[in-house]
Amino acid sequence: MTSRLRADASRHWGQTKLAFGVDLNGRFDLQAEDVTIDFDTSGAQTEESSFTTIEDARRLDAGLYVSADWAATRVVSLGGGLRYDRVRSTNQDRALIRDGLYVALDPWGSNLFDLTPLHPTEG
């Protein structure tokens, strides 16, 4: 099962537009099974075995972001933003958490939001 929620808002202050929001994503009840099939030299199946490698996994992502676009003149605008993400993956009560802070600068204000990691962490 996959769930997703996104909320965002924006506000204008003079020549500047501020936008901010949150992204929440979740995947639940993930399962995987390993299957091995053996064949003899004639190509006939001799054995098949399987075992569950992932029984009940889930993944939760949360992101917060803020961006600003400033119209310096009618022709020139500047834009930039920050984003923080946290991803938590859990499989059989073992968790992996990853955090990341990203920055984007856009000298043309064209909303091309290339994210560059400032401080990704893993723990």
PDB file of N, CA and C in Angstrom:
ATOM      1  N   MET A   1       0.839  -1.164   0.000  1.00  0.00           N
ATOM      2  CA  MET A   1       0.000   0.000   0.000  1.00  0.00           C
ATOM      3  C   MET A   1       0.897   1.244   0.000  1.00  0.00           C
ATOM      4  N   THR A   2       0.529   2.222  -0.790  1.00  0.00           N
ATOM      5  CA  THR A   2       1.283   3.471  -0.880  1.00  0.00           C
ATOM      6  C   THR A   2       0.367   4.633  -0.497  1.00  0.00           C
ATOM      7  N   SER A   3       0.909   5.544   0.323  1.00  0.00           N
ATOM      8  CA  SER A   3       0.167   6.738   0.729  1.00  0.00           C
ATOM      9  C   SER A   3       1.013   7.965   0.427  1.00  0.00           C
ATOM     10  N   ARG A   4       0.351   9.058   0.073  1.00  0.00           N
ATOM     11  CA  ARG A   4       1.075  10.297  -0.222  1.00  0.00           C
ATOM     12  C   ARG A   4       0.222  11.491   0.177  1.00  0.00           C
ATOM     13  N   LEU A   5       0.899  12.464   0.793  1.00  0.00           N
ATOM     14  CA  LEU A   5       0.246  13.713   1.179  1.00  0.00           C
ATOM     15  C   LEU A   5       1.211  14.847   0.890  1.00  0.00           C
ATOM     16  N   ARG A   6       0.726  15.881   0.231  1.00  0.00           N
ATOM     17  CA  ARG A   6       1.545  17.059  -0.058  1.00  0.00           C
ATOM     18  C   ARG A   6       0.715  18.301   0.219  1.00  0.00           C
ATOM     19  N   ALA A   7       1.327  19.216   0.948  1.00  0.00           N
ATOM     20  CA  ALA A   7       0.667  20.489   1.225  1.00  0.00           C
ATOM     21  C   ALA A   7       1.670  21.596   0.957  1.00  0.00           C
ATOM     22  N   ASP A   8       1.222  22.631   0.267  1.00  0.00           N
ATOM     23  CA  ASP A   8       2.111  23.769   0.029  1.00  0.00           C
ATOM     24  C   ASP A   8       1.308  25.060  -0.002  1.00  0.00           C
ATOM     25  N   ALA A   9       2.018  26.133   0.182  1.00  0.00           N
ATOM     26  CA  ALA A   9       1.398  27.457   0.180  1.00  0.00           C
ATOM     27  C   ALA A   9       2.422  28.459  -0.322  1.00  0.00           C
ATOM     28  N   SER A  10       1.951  29.592  -0.745  1.00  0.00           N
ATOM     29  CA  SER A  10       2.859  30.652  -1.172  1.00  0.00           C
ATOM     30  C   SER A  10       2.277  32.000  -0.774  1.00  0.00           C
ATOM     31  N   ARG A  11       3.162  32.963  -0.690  1.00  0.00           N
ATOM     32  CA  ARG A  11       2.749  34.310  -0.297  1.00  0.00           C
ATOM     33  C   ARG A  11       3.661  35.300  -0.994  1.00  0.00           C
ATOM     34  N   HIS A  12       3.083  36.399  -1.446  1.00  0.00           N
ATOM     35  CA  HIS A  12       3.853  37.467  -2.092  1.00  0.00           C
ATOM     36  C   HIS A  12       4.096  38.595  -1.097  1.00  0.00           C
ATOM     37  N   TRP A  13       5.340  39.044  -1.023  1.00  0.00           N
ATOM     38  CA  TRP A  13       5.714  40.241  -0.272  1.00  0.00           C
ATOM     39  C   TRP A  13       6.448  41.150  -1.229  1.00  0.00           C
ATOM     40  N   GLY A  14       5.763  42.133  -1.721  1.00  0.00           N
ATOM     41  CA  GLY A  14       6.369  43.039  -2.690  1.00  0.00           C
ATOM     42  C   GLY A  14       6.768  42.281  -3.941  1.00  0.00           C
ATOM     43  N   GLN A  15       8.057  42.327  -4.282  1.00  0.00           N
ATOM     44  CA  GLN A  15       8.570  41.673  -5.478  1.00  0.00           C
ATOM     45  C   GLN A  15       9.027  40.237  -5.207  1.00  0.00           C
ATOM     46  N   THR A  16       8.785  39.743  -4.006  1.00  0.00           N
ATOM     47  CA  THR A  16       9.266  38.413  -3.624  1.00  0.00           C
ATOM     48  C   THR A  16       8.100  37.463  -3.412  1.00  0.00           C
ATOM     49  N   LYS A  17       8.241  36.265  -3.963  1.00  0.00           N
ATOM     50  CA  LYS A  17       7.257  35.205  -3.739  1.00  0.00           C
ATOM     51  C   LYS A  17       7.923  34.127  -2.884  1.00  0.00           C
ATOM     52  N   LEU A  18       7.352  33.851  -1.720  1.00  0.00           N
ATOM     53  CA  LEU A  18       7.821  32.780  -0.854  1.00  0.00           C
ATOM     54  C   LEU A  18       6.881  31.590  -0.983  1.00  0.00           C
ATOM     55  N   ALA A  19       7.457  30.413  -1.098  1.00  0.00           N
ATOM     56  CA  ALA A  19       6.669  29.186  -1.153  1.00  0.00           C
ATOM     57  C   ALA A  19       7.236  28.220  -0.118  1.00  0.00           C
ATOM     58  N   PHE A  20       6.360  27.467   0.513  1.00  0.00           N
ATOM     59  CA  PHE A  20       6.807  26.509   1.511  1.00  0.00           C
ATOM     60  C   PHE A  20       5.822  25.356   1.542  1.00  0.00           C
ATOM     61  N   GLY A  21       6.301  24.220   2.047  1.00  0.00           N
ATOM     62  CA  GLY A  21       5.403  23.077   2.094  1.00  0.00           C
ATOM     63  C   GLY A  21       6.030  21.867   2.738  1.00  0.00           C
ATOM     64  N   VAL A  22       5.261  20.781   2.673  1.00  0.00           N
ATOM     65  CA  VAL A  22       5.658  19.511   3.266  1.00  0.00           C
ATOM     66  C   VAL A  22       5.228  18.383   2.328  1.00  0.00           C
ATOM     67  N   ASP A  23       6.089  17.350   2.226  1.00  0.00           N
ATOM     68  CA  ASP A  23       5.787  16.123   1.486  1.00  0.00           C
ATOM     69  C   ASP A  23       5.848  14.962   2.461  1.00  0.00           C
ATOM     70  N   LEU A  24       4.831  14.123   2.455  1.00  0.00           N
ATOM     71  CA  LEU A  24       4.830  12.897   3.256  1.00  0.00           C
ATOM     72  C   LEU A  24       4.496  11.729   2.338  1.00  0.00           C
ATOM     73  N   ASN A  25       5.318  10.696   2.367  1.00  0.00           N
ATOM     74  CA  ASN A  25       5.105   9.513   1.548  1.00  0.00           C
ATOM     75  C   ASN A  25       5.301   8.279   2.406  1.00  0.00           C
ATOM     76  N   GLY A  26       4.504   7.266   2.162  1.00  0.00           N
ATOM     77  CA  GLY A  26       4.646   6.030   2.907  1.00  0.00           C
ATOM     78  C   GLY A  26       4.324   4.824   2.049  1.00  0.00           C
ATOM     79  N   ARG A  27       5.081   3.759   2.263  1.00  0.00           N
ATOM     80  CA  ARG A  27       4.804   2.465   1.638  1.00  0.00           C
ATOM     81  C   ARG A  27       4.783   1.438   2.757  1.00  0.00           C
ATOM     82  N   PHE A  28       3.734   0.648   2.807  1.00  0.00           N
ATOM     83  CA  PHE A  28       3.530  -0.282   3.907  1.00  0.00           C
ATOM     84  C   PHE A  28       3.277  -1.690   3.377  1.00  0.00           C
ATOM     85  N   ASP A  29       3.470  -2.674   4.231  1.00  0.00           N
ATOM     86  CA  ASP A  29       3.208  -4.076   3.890  1.00  0.00           C
ATOM     87  C   ASP A  29       4.018  -4.536   2.684  1.00  0.00           C
ATOM     88  N   LEU A  30       5.293  -4.132   2.604  1.00  0.00           N
ATOM     89  CA  LEU A  30       6.152  -4.567   1.514  1.00  0.00           C
ATOM     90  C   LEU A  30       6.671  -5.973   1.812  1.00  0.00           C
ATOM     91  N   GLN A  31       6.679  -6.815   0.780  1.00  0.00           N
ATOM     92  CA  GLN A  31       7.119  -8.197   0.942  1.00  0.00           C
ATOM     93  C   GLN A  31       7.948  -8.609  -0.267  1.00  0.00           C
ATOM     94  N   ALA A  32       8.888  -9.540  -0.042  1.00  0.00           N
ATOM     95  CA  ALA A  32       9.693 -10.099  -1.124  1.00  0.00           C
ATOM     96  C   ALA A  32      10.004 -11.555  -0.804  1.00  0.00           C
ATOM     97  N   GLU A  33      10.091 -12.354  -1.867  1.00  0.00           N
ATOM     98  CA  GLU A  33      10.396 -13.763  -1.696  1.00  0.00           C
ATOM     99  C   GLU A  33      11.501 -14.150  -2.674  1.00  0.00           C
ATOM    100  N   ASP A  34      12.487 -14.883  -2.189  1.00  0.00           N
ATOM    101  CA  ASP A  34      13.585 -15.391  -3.006  1.00  0.00           C
ATOM    102  C   ASP A  34      13.217 -16.779  -3.504  1.00  0.00           C
ATOM    103  N   VAL A  35      13.315 -17.008  -4.813  1.00  0.00           N
ATOM    104  CA  VAL A  35      13.012 -18.306  -5.397  1.00  0.00           C
ATOM    105  C   VAL A  35      14.242 -18.784  -6.160  1.00  0.00           C
ATOM    106  N   THR A  36      14.678 -19.998  -5.883  1.00  0.00           N
ATOM    107  CA  THR A  36      15.807 -20.608  -6.572  1.00  0.00           C
ATOM    108  C   THR A  36      15.305 -21.873  -7.281  1.00  0.00           C
ATOM    109  N   ILE A  37      15.621 -21.973  -8.577  1.00  0.00           N
ATOM    110  CA  ILE A  37      15.232 -23.144  -9.368  1.00  0.00           C
ATOM    111  C   ILE A  37      16.506 -23.744  -9.956  1.00  0.00           C
ATOM    112  N   ASP A  38      16.727 -25.021  -9.696  1.00  0.00           N
ATOM    113  CA  ASP A  38      17.894 -25.735 -10.229  1.00  0.00           C
ATOM    114  C   ASP A  38      17.474 -26.617 -11.397  1.00  0.00           C
ATOM    115  N   PHE A  39      18.376 -26.734 -12.390  1.00  0.00           N
ATOM    116  CA  PHE A  39      18.134 -27.557 -13.578  1.00  0.00           C
ATOM    117  C   PHE A  39      19.303 -28.508 -13.765  1.00  0.00           C
ATOM    118  N   ASP A  40      19.040 -29.653 -14.376  1.00  0.00           N
ATOM    119  CA  ASP A  40      20.145 -30.555 -14.717  1.00  0.00           C
ATOM    120  C   ASP A  40      20.667 -30.196 -16.105  1.00  0.00           C
ATOM    121  N   THR A  41      21.630 -30.939 -16.594  1.00  0.00           N
ATOM    122  CA  THR A  41      22.265 -30.612 -17.883  1.00  0.00           C
ATOM    123  C   THR A  41      21.318 -30.767 -19.062  1.00  0.00           C
ATOM    124  N   SER A  42      20.252 -31.535 -18.904  1.00  0.00           N
ATOM    125  CA  SER A  42      19.292 -31.679 -20.003  1.00  0.00           C
ATOM    126  C   SER A  42      18.254 -30.555 -20.006  1.00  0.00           C
ATOM    127  N   GLY A  43      18.297 -29.712 -18.969  1.00  0.00           N
ATOM    128  CA  GLY A  43      17.353 -28.603 -18.889  1.00  0.00           C
ATOM    129  C   GLY A  43      16.121 -28.901 -18.069  1.00  0.00           C
ATOM    130  N   ALA A  44      16.048 -30.090 -17.496  1.00  0.00           N
ATOM    131  CA  ALA A  44      14.890 -30.450 -16.662  1.00  0.00           C
ATOM    132  C   ALA A  44      15.074 -29.875 -15.266  1.00  0.00           C
ATOM    133  N   GLN A  45      13.988 -29.376 -14.723  1.00  0.00           N
ATOM    134  CA  GLN A  45      14.018 -28.819 -13.365  1.00  0.00           C
ATOM    135  C   GLN A  45      14.232 -29.937 -12.355  1.00  0.00           C
ATOM    136  N   THR A  46      15.207 -29.724 -11.455  1.00  0.00           N
ATOM    137  CA  THR A  46      15.498 -30.751 -10.447  1.00  0.00           C
ATOM    138  C   THR A  46      15.066 -30.331  -9.057  1.00  0.00           C
ATOM    139  N   GLU A  47      15.048 -29.046  -8.793  1.00  0.00           N
ATOM    140  CA  GLU A  47      14.711 -28.591  -7.441  1.00  0.00           C
ATOM    141  C   GLU A  47      14.225 -27.149  -7.488  1.00  0.00           C
ATOM    142  N   GLU A  48      13.330 -26.843  -6.569  1.00  0.00           N
ATOM    143  CA  GLU A  48      12.869 -25.462  -6.410  1.00  0.00           C
ATOM    144  C   GLU A  48      12.763 -25.175  -4.915  1.00  0.00           C
ATOM    145  N   SER A  49      13.295 -24.041  -4.517  1.00  0.00           N
ATOM    146  CA  SER A  49      13.193 -23.642  -3.112  1.00  0.00           C
ATOM    147  C   SER A  49      12.869 -22.159  -3.057  1.00  0.00           C
ATOM    148  N   SER A  50      12.198 -21.785  -1.989  1.00  0.00           N
ATOM    149  CA  SER A  50      11.873 -20.369  -1.816  1.00  0.00           C
ATOM    150  C   SER A  50      11.860 -20.034  -0.332  1.00  0.00           C
ATOM    151  N   PHE A  51      12.172 -18.784  -0.044  1.00  0.00           N
ATOM    152  CA  PHE A  51      12.053 -18.299   1.326  1.00  0.00           C
ATOM    153  C   PHE A  51      11.782 -16.805   1.290  1.00  0.00           C
ATOM    154  N   THR A  52      11.103 -16.353   2.315  1.00  0.00           N
ATOM    155  CA  THR A  52      10.724 -14.946   2.408  1.00  0.00           C
ATOM    156  C   THR A  52      11.911 -14.138   2.907  1.00  0.00           C
ATOM    157  N   THR A  53      12.335 -13.146   2.106  1.00  0.00           N
ATOM    158  CA  THR A  53      13.459 -12.297   2.499  1.00  0.00           C
ATOM    159  C   THR A  53      12.982 -11.024   3.188  1.00  0.00           C
ATOM    160  N   ILE A  54      11.830 -10.551   2.795  1.00  0.00           N
ATOM    161  CA  ILE A  54      11.239  -9.375   3.440  1.00  0.00           C
ATOM    162  C   ILE A  54       9.805  -9.730   3.778  1.00  0.00           C
ATOM    163  N   GLU A  55       9.518  -9.737   5.064  1.00  0.00           N
ATOM    164  CA  GLU A  55       8.204 -10.180   5.510  1.00  0.00           C
ATOM    165  C   GLU A  55       7.225  -9.013   5.668  1.00  0.00           C
ATOM    166  N   ASP A  56       7.682  -7.943   6.292  1.00  0.00           N
ATOM    167  CA  ASP A  56       6.796  -6.806   6.551  1.00  0.00           C
ATOM    168  C   ASP A  56       7.651  -5.545   6.650  1.00  0.00           C
ATOM    169  N   ALA A  57       7.945  -4.960   5.524  1.00  0.00           N
ATOM    170  CA  ALA A  57       8.781  -3.758   5.504  1.00  0.00           C
ATOM    171  C   ALA A  57       7.911  -2.533   5.245  1.00  0.00           C
ATOM    172  N   ARG A  58       8.450  -1.381   5.616  1.00  0.00           N
ATOM    173  CA  ARG A  58       7.754  -0.113   5.355  1.00  0.00           C
ATOM    174  C   ARG A  58       8.779   0.996   5.173  1.00  0.00           C
ATOM    175  N   ARG A  59       8.341   2.037   4.505  1.00  0.00           N
ATOM    176  CA  ARG A  59       9.213   3.182   4.260  1.00  0.00           C
ATOM    177  C   ARG A  59       8.386   4.451   4.434  1.00  0.00           C
ATOM    178  N   LEU A  60       8.938   5.369   5.219  1.00  0.00           N
ATOM    179  CA  LEU A  60       8.288   6.657   5.451  1.00  0.00           C
ATOM    180  C   LEU A  60       9.253   7.764   5.050  1.00  0.00           C
ATOM    181  N   ASP A  61       8.805   8.696   4.232  1.00  0.00           N
ATOM    182  CA  ASP A  61       9.599   9.848   3.812  1.00  0.00           C
ATOM    183  C   ASP A  61       8.881  11.108   4.270  1.00  0.00           C
ATOM    184  N   ALA A  62       9.642  12.067   4.750  1.00  0.00           N
ATOM    185  CA  ALA A  62       9.078  13.372   5.107  1.00  0.00           C
ATOM    186  C   ALA A  62      10.025  14.445   4.594  1.00  0.00           C
ATOM    187  N   GLY A  63       9.493  15.464   3.988  1.00  0.00           N
ATOM    188  CA  GLY A  63      10.303  16.558   3.473  1.00  0.00           C
ATOM    189  C   GLY A  63       9.654  17.901   3.760  1.00  0.00           C
ATOM    190  N   LEU A  64      10.473  18.860   4.142  1.00  0.00           N
ATOM    191  CA  LEU A  64      10.036  20.242   4.334  1.00  0.00           C
ATOM    192  C   LEU A  64      10.834  21.117   3.381  1.00  0.00           C
ATOM    193  N   TYR A  65      10.188  22.099   2.785  1.00  0.00           N
ATOM    194  CA  TYR A  65      10.917  22.949   1.851  1.00  0.00           C
ATOM    195  C   TYR A  65      10.417  24.386   1.908  1.00  0.00           C
ATOM    196  N   VAL A  66      11.296  25.281   1.516  1.00  0.00           N
ATOM    197  CA  VAL A  66      10.974  26.699   1.386  1.00  0.00           C
ATOM    198  C   VAL A  66      11.758  27.231   0.195  1.00  0.00           C
ATOM    199  N   SER A  67      11.134  28.088  -0.580  1.00  0.00           N
ATOM    200  CA  SER A  67      11.818  28.705  -1.716  1.00  0.00           C
ATOM    201  C   SER A  67      11.378  30.157  -1.844  1.00  0.00           C
ATOM    202  N   ALA A  68      12.216  30.938  -2.489  1.00  0.00           N
ATOM    203  CA  ALA A  68      11.909  32.358  -2.712  1.00  0.00           C
ATOM    204  C   ALA A  68      12.314  32.732  -4.128  1.00  0.00           C
ATOM    205  N   ASP A  69      11.480  33.515  -4.770  1.00  0.00           N
ATOM    206  CA  ASP A  69      11.777  34.104  -6.078  1.00  0.00           C
ATOM    207  C   ASP A  69      11.612  35.607  -5.947  1.00  0.00           C
ATOM    208  N   TRP A  70      12.650  36.327  -6.319  1.00  0.00           N
ATOM    209  CA  TRP A  70      12.647  37.782  -6.198  1.00  0.00           C
ATOM    210  C   TRP A  70      12.832  38.393  -7.570  1.00  0.00           C
ATOM    211  N   ALA A  71      11.911  39.236  -7.970  1.00  0.00           N
ATOM    212  CA  ALA A  71      11.999  39.935  -9.245  1.00  0.00           C
ATOM    213  C   ALA A  71      12.805  41.207  -9.034  1.00  0.00           C
ATOM    214  N   ALA A  72      14.093  41.159  -9.353  1.00  0.00           N
ATOM    215  CA  ALA A  72      14.968  42.315  -9.174  1.00  0.00           C
ATOM    216  C   ALA A  72      14.585  43.432 -10.142  1.00  0.00           C
ATOM    217  N   THR A  73      14.309  43.075 -11.377  1.00  0.00           N
ATOM    218  CA  THR A  73      13.822  44.011 -12.393  1.00  0.00           C
ATOM    219  C   THR A  73      12.773  43.268 -13.208  1.00  0.00           C
ATOM    220  N   ARG A  74      12.277  43.899 -14.250  1.00  0.00           N
ATOM    221  CA  ARG A  74      11.304  43.232 -15.117  1.00  0.00           C
ATOM    222  C   ARG A  74      11.934  42.066 -15.879  1.00  0.00           C
ATOM    223  N   VAL A  75      13.251  42.116 -16.053  1.00  0.00           N
ATOM    224  CA  VAL A  75      13.952  41.108 -16.847  1.00  0.00           C
ATOM    225  C   VAL A  75      14.743  40.120 -15.971  1.00  0.00           C
ATOM    226  N   VAL A  76      15.218  40.575 -14.830  1.00  0.00           N
ATOM    227  CA  VAL A  76      16.085  39.752 -13.987  1.00  0.00           C
ATOM    228  C   VAL A  76      15.350  39.329 -12.720  1.00  0.00           C
ATOM    229  N   SER A  77      15.427  38.047 -12.438  1.00  0.00           N
ATOM    230  CA  SER A  77      14.883  37.545 -11.175  1.00  0.00           C
ATOM    231  C   SER A  77      15.864  36.538 -10.589  1.00  0.00           C
ATOM    232  N   LEU A  78      15.798  36.387  -9.279  1.00  0.00           N
ATOM    233  CA  LEU A  78      16.655  35.451  -8.561  1.00  0.00           C
ATOM    234  C   LEU A  78      15.785  34.494  -7.773  1.00  0.00           C
ATOM    235  N   GLY A  79      16.221  33.260  -7.672  1.00  0.00           N
ATOM    236  CA  GLY A  79      15.449  32.277  -6.930  1.00  0.00           C
ATOM    237  C   GLY A  79      16.366  31.337  -6.168  1.00  0.00           C
ATOM    238  N   GLY A  80      15.815  30.745  -5.134  1.00  0.00           N
ATOM    239  CA  GLY A  80      16.584  29.779  -4.356  1.00  0.00           C
ATOM    240  C   GLY A  80      15.691  29.096  -3.355  1.00  0.00           C
ATOM    241  N   GLY A  81      16.240  28.067  -2.723  1.00  0.00           N
ATOM    242  CA  GLY A  81      15.433  27.363  -1.738  1.00  0.00           C
ATOM    243  C   GLY A  81      16.238  26.396  -0.908  1.00  0.00           C
ATOM    244  N   LEU A  82      15.611  25.921   0.132  1.00  0.00           N
ATOM    245  CA  LEU A  82      16.162  24.905   1.016  1.00  0.00           C
ATOM    246  C   LEU A  82      15.155  23.777   1.143  1.00  0.00           C
ATOM    247  N   ARG A  83      15.666  22.554   1.315  1.00  0.00           N
ATOM    248  CA  ARG A  83      14.805  21.398   1.517  1.00  0.00           C
ATOM    249  C   ARG A  83      15.482  20.463   2.509  1.00  0.00           C
ATOM    250  N   TYR A  84      14.698  19.924   3.433  1.00  0.00           N
ATOM    251  CA  TYR A  84      15.181  18.939   4.386  1.00  0.00           C
ATOM    252  C   TYR A  84      14.354  17.669   4.192  1.00  0.00           C
ATOM    253  N   ASP A  85      15.033  16.524   4.065  1.00  0.00           N
ATOM    254  CA  ASP A  85      14.350  15.243   3.901  1.00  0.00           C
ATOM    255  C   ASP A  85      14.803  14.258   4.955  1.00  0.00           C
ATOM    256  N   ARG A  86      13.874  13.427   5.394  1.00  0.00           N
ATOM    257  CA  ARG A  86      14.182  12.302   6.289  1.00  0.00           C
ATOM    258  C   ARG A  86      13.466  11.084   5.733  1.00  0.00           C
ATOM    259  N   VAL A  87      14.238  10.014   5.547  1.00  0.00           N
ATOM    260  CA  VAL A  87      13.697   8.760   5.035  1.00  0.00           C
ATOM    261  C   VAL A  87      13.959   7.681   6.078  1.00  0.00           C
ATOM    262  N   ARG A  88      12.923   6.964   6.463  1.00  0.00           N
ATOM    263  CA  ARG A  88      13.063   5.870   7.438  1.00  0.00           C
ATOM    264  C   ARG A  88      12.531   4.596   6.787  1.00  0.00           C
ATOM    265  N   SER A  89      13.420   3.618   6.646  1.00  0.00           N
ATOM    266  CA  SER A  89      13.052   2.309   6.114  1.00  0.00           C
ATOM    267  C   SER A  89      13.146   1.295   7.248  1.00  0.00           C
ATOM    268  N   THR A  90      12.116   0.481   7.405  1.00  0.00           N
ATOM    269  CA  THR A  90      12.084  -0.508   8.472  1.00  0.00           C
ATOM    270  C   THR A  90      11.770  -1.878   7.874  1.00  0.00           C
ATOM    271  N   ASN A  91      12.579  -2.871   8.266  1.00  0.00           N
ATOM    272  CA  ASN A  91      12.361  -4.248   7.847  1.00  0.00           C
ATOM    273  C   ASN A  91      12.616  -5.146   9.049  1.00  0.00           C
ATOM    274  N   GLN A  92      11.590  -5.857   9.479  1.00  0.00           N
ATOM    275  CA  GLN A  92      11.685  -6.775  10.609  1.00  0.00           C
ATOM    276  C   GLN A  92      12.312  -6.099  11.825  1.00  0.00           C
ATOM    277  N   ASP A  93      11.788  -4.953  12.180  1.00  0.00           N
ATOM    278  CA  ASP A  93      12.189  -4.179  13.352  1.00  0.00           C
ATOM    279  C   ASP A  93      13.606  -3.613  13.283  1.00  0.00           C
ATOM    280  N   ARG A  94      14.241  -3.627  12.131  1.00  0.00           N
ATOM    281  CA  ARG A  94      15.524  -2.948  11.938  1.00  0.00           C
ATOM    282  C   ARG A  94      15.250  -1.707  11.097  1.00  0.00           C
ATOM    283  N   ALA A  95      15.760  -0.574  11.552  1.00  0.00           N
ATOM    284  CA  ALA A  95      15.457   0.685  10.875  1.00  0.00           C
ATOM    285  C   ALA A  95      16.726   1.317  10.320  1.00  0.00           C
ATOM    286  N   LEU A  96      16.595   1.961   9.165  1.00  0.00           N
ATOM    287  CA  LEU A  96      17.646   2.757   8.560  1.00  0.00           C
ATOM    288  C   LEU A  96      17.059   4.145   8.365  1.00  0.00           C
ATOM    289  N   ILE A  97      17.729   5.160   8.903  1.00  0.00           N
ATOM    290  CA  ILE A  97      17.242   6.533   8.807  1.00  0.00           C
ATOM    291  C   ILE A  97      18.284   7.348   8.047  1.00  0.00           C
ATOM    292  N   ARG A  98      17.832   8.094   7.064  1.00  0.00           N
ATOM    293  CA  ARG A  98      18.707   8.989   6.298  1.00  0.00           C
ATOM    294  C   ARG A  98      18.127  10.393   6.344  1.00  0.00           C
ATOM    295  N   ASP A  99      19.001  11.350   6.629  1.00  0.00           N
ATOM    296  CA  ASP A  99      18.619  12.763   6.656  1.00  0.00           C
ATOM    297  C   ASP A  99      19.403  13.488   5.572  1.00  0.00           C
ATOM    298  N   GLY A 100      18.847  14.562   5.047  1.00  0.00           N
ATOM    299  CA  GLY A 100      19.564  15.362   4.072  1.00  0.00           C
ATOM    300  C   GLY A 100      19.040  16.784   4.044  1.00  0.00           C
ATOM    301  N   LEU A 101      19.968  17.726   3.957  1.00  0.00           N
ATOM    302  CA  LEU A 101      19.635  19.138   3.782  1.00  0.00           C
ATOM    303  C   LEU A 101      20.173  19.548   2.422  1.00  0.00           C
ATOM    304  N   TYR A 102      19.342  20.167   1.604  1.00  0.00           N
ATOM    305  CA  TYR A 102      19.696  20.497   0.234  1.00  0.00           C
ATOM    306  C   TYR A 102      19.473  21.982  -0.011  1.00  0.00           C
ATOM    307  N   VAL A 103      20.243  22.531  -0.934  1.00  0.00           N
ATOM    308  CA  VAL A 103      20.103  23.941  -1.293  1.00  0.00           C
ATOM    309  C   VAL A 103      20.017  24.049  -2.816  1.00  0.00           C
ATOM    310  N   ALA A 104      19.266  25.025  -3.278  1.00  0.00           N
ATOM    311  CA  ALA A 104      19.161  25.293  -4.708  1.00  0.00           C
ATOM    312  C   ALA A 104      19.233  26.800  -4.918  1.00  0.00           C
ATOM    313  N   LEU A 105      20.017  27.207  -5.888  1.00  0.00           N
ATOM    314  CA  LEU A 105      20.101  28.606  -6.290  1.00  0.00           C
ATOM    315  C   LEU A 105      19.796  28.696  -7.767  1.00  0.00           C
ATOM    316  N   ASP A 106      18.983  29.638  -8.133  1.00  0.00           N
ATOM    317  CA  ASP A 106      18.552  29.776  -9.518  1.00  0.00           C
ATOM    318  C   ASP A 106      18.679  31.244  -9.929  1.00  0.00           C
ATOM    319  N   PRO A 107      19.795  31.617 -10.557  1.00  0.00           N
ATOM    320  CA  PRO A 107      19.992  33.029 -10.881  1.00  0.00           C
ATOM    321  C   PRO A 107      19.014  33.583 -11.906  1.00  0.00           C
ATOM    322  N   TRP A 108      18.304  32.721 -12.610  1.00  0.00           N
ATOM    323  CA  TRP A 108      17.372  33.214 -13.624  1.00  0.00           C
ATOM    324  C   TRP A 108      15.921  33.129 -13.157  1.00  0.00           C
ATOM    325  N   GLY A 109      15.689  32.583 -11.983  1.00  0.00           N
ATOM    326  CA  GLY A 109      14.322  32.515 -11.458  1.00  0.00           C
ATOM    327  C   GLY A 109      13.406  31.663 -12.289  1.00  0.00           C
ATOM    328  N   SER A 110      13.955  30.635 -12.938  1.00  0.00           N
ATOM    329  CA  SER A 110      13.148  29.829 -13.849  1.00  0.00           C
ATOM    330  C   SER A 110      12.552  28.594 -13.182  1.00  0.00           C
ATOM    331  N   ASN A 111      12.649  28.515 -11.856  1.00  0.00           N
ATOM    332  CA  ASN A 111      12.080  27.405 -11.087  1.00  0.00           C
ATOM    333  C   ASN A 111      12.709  26.064 -11.425  1.00  0.00           C
ATOM    334  N   LEU A 112      13.937  26.069 -11.919  1.00  0.00           N
ATOM    335  CA  LEU A 112      14.675  24.824 -12.074  1.00  0.00           C
ATOM    336  C   LEU A 112      15.281  24.527 -10.715  1.00  0.00           C
ATOM    337  N   PHE A 113      14.766  23.541 -10.041  1.00  0.00           N
ATOM    338  CA  PHE A 113      15.117  23.324  -8.646  1.00  0.00           C
ATOM    339  C   PHE A 113      16.106  22.172  -8.530  1.00  0.00           C
ATOM    340  N   ASP A 114      17.361  22.385  -8.984  1.00  0.00           N
ATOM    341  CA  ASP A 114      18.398  21.377  -8.828  1.00  0.00           C
ATOM    342  C   ASP A 114      18.833  21.354  -7.382  1.00  0.00           C
ATOM    343  N   LEU A 115      18.688  20.222  -6.751  1.00  0.00           N
ATOM    344  CA  LEU A 115      19.019  20.110  -5.337  1.00  0.00           C
ATOM    345  C   LEU A 115      20.443  19.602  -5.173  1.00  0.00           C
ATOM    346  N   THR A 116      21.222  20.313  -4.392  1.00  0.00           N
ATOM    347  CA  THR A 116      22.594  19.943  -4.088  1.00  0.00           C
ATOM    348  C   THR A 116      22.683  19.594  -2.612  1.00  0.00           C
ATOM    349  N   PRO A 117      23.172  18.397  -2.275  1.00  0.00           N
ATOM    350  CA  PRO A 117      23.242  18.045  -0.854  1.00  0.00           C
ATOM    351  C   PRO A 117      24.203  18.943  -0.110  1.00  0.00           C
ATOM    352  N   LEU A 118      23.734  19.515   0.992  1.00  0.00           N
ATOM    353  CA  LEU A 118      24.599  20.285   1.882  1.00  0.00           C
ATOM    354  C   LEU A 118      25.180  19.392   2.950  1.00  0.00           C
ATOM    355  N   HIS A 119      24.339  18.564   3.526  1.00  0.00           N
ATOM    356  CA  HIS A 119      24.790  17.740   4.648  1.00  0.00           C
ATOM    357  C   HIS A 119      23.968  16.458   4.740  1.00  0.00           C
ATOM    358  N   PRO A 120      24.149  15.517   3.772  1.00  0.00           N
ATOM    359  CA  PRO A 120      23.408  14.262   3.894  1.00  0.00           C
ATOM    360  C   PRO A 120      24.023  13.419   4.994  1.00  0.00           C
ATOM    361  N   THR A 121      23.189  12.763   5.779  1.00  0.00           N
ATOM    362  CA  THR A 121      23.673  11.895   6.846  1.00  0.00           C
ATOM    363  C   THR A 121      22.979  10.560   6.757  1.00  0.00           C
ATOM    364  N   GLU A 122      23.586   9.570   7.353  1.00  0.00           N
ATOM    365  CA  GLU A 122      22.992   8.244   7.407  1.00  0.00           C
ATOM    366  C   GLU A 122      23.186   7.703   8.793  1.00  0.00           C
ATOM    367  N   GLY A 123      22.133   7.154   9.372  1.00  0.00           N
ATOM    368  CA  GLY A 123      22.285   6.648  10.725  1.00  0.00           C
ATOM    369  C   GLY A 123      21.303   5.592  11.080  1.00  0.00           C
TER     370      GLY A 123
END
